[in-house]
Amino acid sequence: MYGRGRAREPDCVVGLSARIQAAPDPPGDATLVHRLHEFPDRPSFTGKDLYMDDGGYFFGATLGELQDAYRHRAFVEDGAMSRLQVARAALTLDPKTGVLTRMVGGVPGKAPSVVVTYTIRRVTAADAMR
């Protein structure tokens, strides 16, 4: 049951979908993702991902590693991505864009074992990888 004054979730998804479909194509040819992984019991680390509109995916722990992967066309295979599993994930999406901004993961019933913060932006790959 939904509380008074609170939008029903399906209505929110339909509204977001309509806004995305009506929006002009974003600039660039790729999406650049900066990730910060924070753990309660070990050091944090970062990761950089470049998702190409043509389906290509590149990864680097640092921007320099990502640039090297892009220059050498070192794609990450789809199978590697599909093997990633999260026991429990609470995702935070930007309510206006639907873009992922945060994920909290871990074992159900226990304190989160990882918090990943995302900064996502559209880029022209050739410019971003210079």
C-alpha atoms as a PDB file:
ATOM      1  CA  MET A   1       0.000   0.000   0.000  1.00  0.00           C
ATOM      2  CA  TYR A   2       1.309   3.435  -0.884  1.00  0.00           C
ATOM      3  CA  GLY A   3       1.205   6.301   1.584  1.00  0.00           C
ATOM      4  CA  ARG A   4      -0.802   9.415   0.895  1.00  0.00           C
ATOM      5  CA  GLY A   5       1.051  11.875  -1.319  1.00  0.00           C
ATOM      6  CA  ARG A   6       3.705   9.342  -2.297  1.00  0.00           C
ATOM      7  CA  ALA A   7       4.024   8.493  -5.986  1.00  0.00           C
ATOM      8  CA  ARG A   8       3.521   4.867  -6.839  1.00  0.00           C
ATOM      9  CA  GLU A   9       6.760   3.263  -7.982  1.00  0.00           C
ATOM     10  CA  PRO A  10       5.426   2.028 -11.347  1.00  0.00           C
ATOM     11  CA  ASP A  11       4.263   5.574 -12.114  1.00  0.00           C
ATOM     12  CA  CYS A  12       7.758   6.894 -11.312  1.00  0.00           C
ATOM     13  CA  VAL A  13       9.389   4.350 -13.632  1.00  0.00           C
ATOM     14  CA  VAL A  14       6.928   5.095 -16.438  1.00  0.00           C
ATOM     15  CA  GLY A  15       7.494   8.842 -16.008  1.00  0.00           C
ATOM     16  CA  LEU A  16      11.272   8.435 -16.008  1.00  0.00           C
ATOM     17  CA  SER A  17      11.107   6.211 -19.079  1.00  0.00           C
ATOM     18  CA  ALA A  18       8.977   8.767 -20.925  1.00  0.00           C
ATOM     19  CA  ARG A  19      11.412  11.589 -20.063  1.00  0.00           C
ATOM     20  CA  ILE A  20      14.391   9.553 -21.258  1.00  0.00           C
ATOM     21  CA  GLN A  21      12.682   8.615 -24.533  1.00  0.00           C
ATOM     22  CA  ALA A  22      11.691  12.238 -25.189  1.00  0.00           C
ATOM     23  CA  ALA A  23      15.153  13.612 -24.440  1.00  0.00           C
ATOM     24  CA  PRO A  24      17.578  14.273 -27.289  1.00  0.00           C
ATOM     25  CA  ASP A  25      20.436  11.838 -27.738  1.00  0.00           C
ATOM     26  CA  PRO A  26      23.186  12.645 -25.243  1.00  0.00           C
ATOM     27  CA  PRO A  27      26.405  14.118 -26.623  1.00  0.00           C
ATOM     28  CA  GLY A  28      29.442  11.932 -27.089  1.00  0.00           C
ATOM     29  CA  ASP A  29      29.852   8.277 -27.938  1.00  0.00           C
ATOM     30  CA  ALA A  30      30.571   6.770 -24.508  1.00  0.00           C
ATOM     31  CA  THR A  31      29.774   6.897 -20.809  1.00  0.00           C
ATOM     32  CA  LEU A  32      32.674   7.387 -18.384  1.00  0.00           C
ATOM     33  CA  VAL A  33      32.191   6.033 -14.861  1.00  0.00           C
ATOM     34  CA  HIS A  34      34.408   6.848 -11.873  1.00  0.00           C
ATOM     35  CA  ARG A  35      33.870   4.432  -8.966  1.00  0.00           C
ATOM     36  CA  LEU A  36      34.972   4.697  -5.332  1.00  0.00           C
ATOM     37  CA  HIS A  37      34.728   1.400  -3.397  1.00  0.00           C
ATOM     38  CA  GLU A  38      34.739   1.880   0.392  1.00  0.00           C
ATOM     39  CA  PHE A  39      34.948  -0.976   2.885  1.00  0.00           C
ATOM     40  CA  PRO A  40      34.607  -0.961   6.679  1.00  0.00           C
ATOM     41  CA  ASP A  41      37.517  -3.364   7.178  1.00  0.00           C
ATOM     42  CA  ARG A  42      40.063  -2.735   4.399  1.00  0.00           C
ATOM     43  CA  PRO A  43      41.433   0.070   2.226  1.00  0.00           C
ATOM     44  CA  SER A  44      39.255   1.794  -0.353  1.00  0.00           C
ATOM     45  CA  PHE A  45      40.007   1.662  -4.061  1.00  0.00           C
ATOM     46  CA  THR A  46      38.847   3.345  -7.241  1.00  0.00           C
ATOM     47  CA  GLY A  47      37.967   2.106 -10.690  1.00  0.00           C
ATOM     48  CA  LYS A  48      37.315   3.719 -14.046  1.00  0.00           C
ATOM     49  CA  ASP A  49      34.973   2.290 -16.692  1.00  0.00           C
ATOM     50  CA  LEU A  50      34.329   3.422 -20.248  1.00  0.00           C
ATOM     51  CA  TYR A  51      31.127   2.057 -21.811  1.00  0.00           C
ATOM     52  CA  MET A  52      31.101   2.691 -25.558  1.00  0.00           C
ATOM     53  CA  ASP A  53      27.830   3.172 -27.414  1.00  0.00           C
ATOM     54  CA  ASP A  54      28.938   0.420 -29.825  1.00  0.00           C
ATOM     55  CA  GLY A  55      29.036  -2.114 -26.952  1.00  0.00           C
ATOM     56  CA  GLY A  56      32.749  -1.926 -26.131  1.00  0.00           C
ATOM     57  CA  TYR A  57      33.752  -1.808 -22.449  1.00  0.00           C
ATOM     58  CA  PHE A  58      37.131  -0.758 -21.049  1.00  0.00           C
ATOM     59  CA  PHE A  59      38.349  -0.805 -17.430  1.00  0.00           C
ATOM     60  CA  GLY A  60      41.261   0.595 -15.489  1.00  0.00           C
ATOM     61  CA  ALA A  61      41.964   1.021 -11.787  1.00  0.00           C
ATOM     62  CA  THR A  62      43.276   4.490 -12.642  1.00  0.00           C
ATOM     63  CA  LEU A  63      42.577   6.900 -15.487  1.00  0.00           C
ATOM     64  CA  GLY A  64      46.015   6.063 -16.926  1.00  0.00           C
ATOM     65  CA  GLU A  65      45.202   2.332 -16.963  1.00  0.00           C
ATOM     66  CA  LEU A  66      41.854   3.062 -18.599  1.00  0.00           C
ATOM     67  CA  GLN A  67      43.554   5.200 -21.244  1.00  0.00           C
ATOM     68  CA  ASP A  68      46.048   2.368 -21.939  1.00  0.00           C
ATOM     69  CA  ALA A  69      43.204  -0.169 -22.248  1.00  0.00           C
ATOM     70  CA  TYR A  70      41.393   2.144 -24.665  1.00  0.00           C
ATOM     71  CA  ARG A  71      44.515   2.818 -26.761  1.00  0.00           C
ATOM     72  CA  HIS A  72      45.300  -0.909 -27.014  1.00  0.00           C
ATOM     73  CA  ARG A  73      41.631  -1.839 -27.526  1.00  0.00           C
ATOM     74  CA  ALA A  74      41.798  -4.178 -24.509  1.00  0.00           C
ATOM     75  CA  PHE A  75      38.061  -4.882 -24.215  1.00  0.00           C
ATOM     76  CA  VAL A  76      36.632  -6.563 -21.138  1.00  0.00           C
ATOM     77  CA  GLU A  77      34.663  -9.613 -22.296  1.00  0.00           C
ATOM     78  CA  ASP A  78      30.925  -9.770 -21.557  1.00  0.00           C
ATOM     79  CA  GLY A  79      31.391 -13.019 -19.616  1.00  0.00           C
ATOM     80  CA  ALA A  80      33.568 -11.275 -17.034  1.00  0.00           C
ATOM     81  CA  MET A  81      30.856  -8.705 -16.414  1.00  0.00           C
ATOM     82  CA  SER A  82      28.087 -11.291 -16.158  1.00  0.00           C
ATOM     83  CA  ARG A  83      30.014 -13.243 -13.493  1.00  0.00           C
ATOM     84  CA  LEU A  84      29.924 -10.292 -11.117  1.00  0.00           C
ATOM     85  CA  GLN A  85      27.375 -10.988  -8.396  1.00  0.00           C
ATOM     86  CA  VAL A  86      26.221  -8.974  -5.411  1.00  0.00           C
ATOM     87  CA  ALA A  87      24.566 -10.846  -2.523  1.00  0.00           C
ATOM     88  CA  ARG A  88      22.484  -7.800  -1.672  1.00  0.00           C
ATOM     89  CA  ALA A  89      22.530  -4.436  -3.354  1.00  0.00           C
ATOM     90  CA  ALA A  90      20.715  -1.267  -2.440  1.00  0.00           C
ATOM     91  CA  LEU A  91      20.951   1.054  -5.405  1.00  0.00           C
ATOM     92  CA  THR A  92      20.540   4.817  -5.273  1.00  0.00           C
ATOM     93  CA  LEU A  93      19.460   6.423  -8.527  1.00  0.00           C
ATOM     94  CA  ASP A  94      19.320  10.103  -9.360  1.00  0.00           C
ATOM     95  CA  PRO A  95      15.544  10.773  -9.316  1.00  0.00           C
ATOM     96  CA  LYS A  96      15.728  13.150 -12.283  1.00  0.00           C
ATOM     97  CA  THR A  97      17.976  11.133 -14.606  1.00  0.00           C
ATOM     98  CA  GLY A  98      17.732   7.562 -13.344  1.00  0.00           C
ATOM     99  CA  VAL A  99      21.540   7.371 -13.302  1.00  0.00           C
ATOM    100  CA  LEU A 100      23.109   5.148 -10.658  1.00  0.00           C
ATOM    101  CA  THR A 101      24.930   7.156  -7.969  1.00  0.00           C
ATOM    102  CA  ARG A 102      25.490   4.648  -5.132  1.00  0.00           C
ATOM    103  CA  MET A 103      25.356   0.934  -4.327  1.00  0.00           C
ATOM    104  CA  VAL A 104      25.524  -0.666  -0.893  1.00  0.00           C
ATOM    105  CA  GLY A 105      26.245  -4.382  -0.900  1.00  0.00           C
ATOM    106  CA  GLY A 106      26.847  -7.214   1.460  1.00  0.00           C
ATOM    107  CA  VAL A 107      25.313 -10.243   3.101  1.00  0.00           C
ATOM    108  CA  PRO A 108      21.623  -9.924   4.051  1.00  0.00           C
ATOM    109  CA  GLY A 109      21.162  -9.215   7.757  1.00  0.00           C
ATOM    110  CA  LYS A 110      24.737  -7.975   8.249  1.00  0.00           C
ATOM    111  CA  ALA A 111      26.370  -4.572   8.031  1.00  0.00           C
ATOM    112  CA  PRO A 112      27.212  -3.549   4.449  1.00  0.00           C
ATOM    113  CA  SER A 113      30.563  -4.880   3.305  1.00  0.00           C
ATOM    114  CA  VAL A 114      30.984  -2.402   0.450  1.00  0.00           C
ATOM    115  CA  VAL A 115      29.690   1.003  -0.579  1.00  0.00           C
ATOM    116  CA  VAL A 116      30.357   2.047  -4.170  1.00  0.00           C
ATOM    117  CA  THR A 117      29.901   5.693  -5.156  1.00  0.00           C
ATOM    118  CA  TYR A 118      29.556   6.439  -8.874  1.00  0.00           C
ATOM    119  CA  THR A 119      30.238   9.611 -10.844  1.00  0.00           C
ATOM    120  CA  ILE A 120      28.871   9.114 -14.345  1.00  0.00           C
ATOM    121  CA  ARG A 121      29.107  11.444 -17.345  1.00  0.00           C
ATOM    122  CA  ARG A 122      28.782  11.317 -21.110  1.00  0.00           C
ATOM    123  CA  VAL A 123      32.001  11.858 -23.035  1.00  0.00           C
ATOM    124  CA  THR A 124      33.549  11.621 -26.457  1.00  0.00           C
ATOM    125  CA  ALA A 125      35.863   8.666 -25.919  1.00  0.00           C
ATOM    126  CA  ALA A 126      38.741   9.987 -28.008  1.00  0.00           C
ATOM    127  CA  ASP A 127      38.786  13.231 -26.012  1.00  0.00           C
ATOM    128  CA  ALA A 128      38.428  11.553 -22.614  1.00  0.00           C
ATOM    129  CA  MET A 129      41.255   9.104 -23.333  1.00  0.00           C
ATOM    130  CA  ARG A 130      43.913  11.693 -24.236  1.00  0.00           C
END
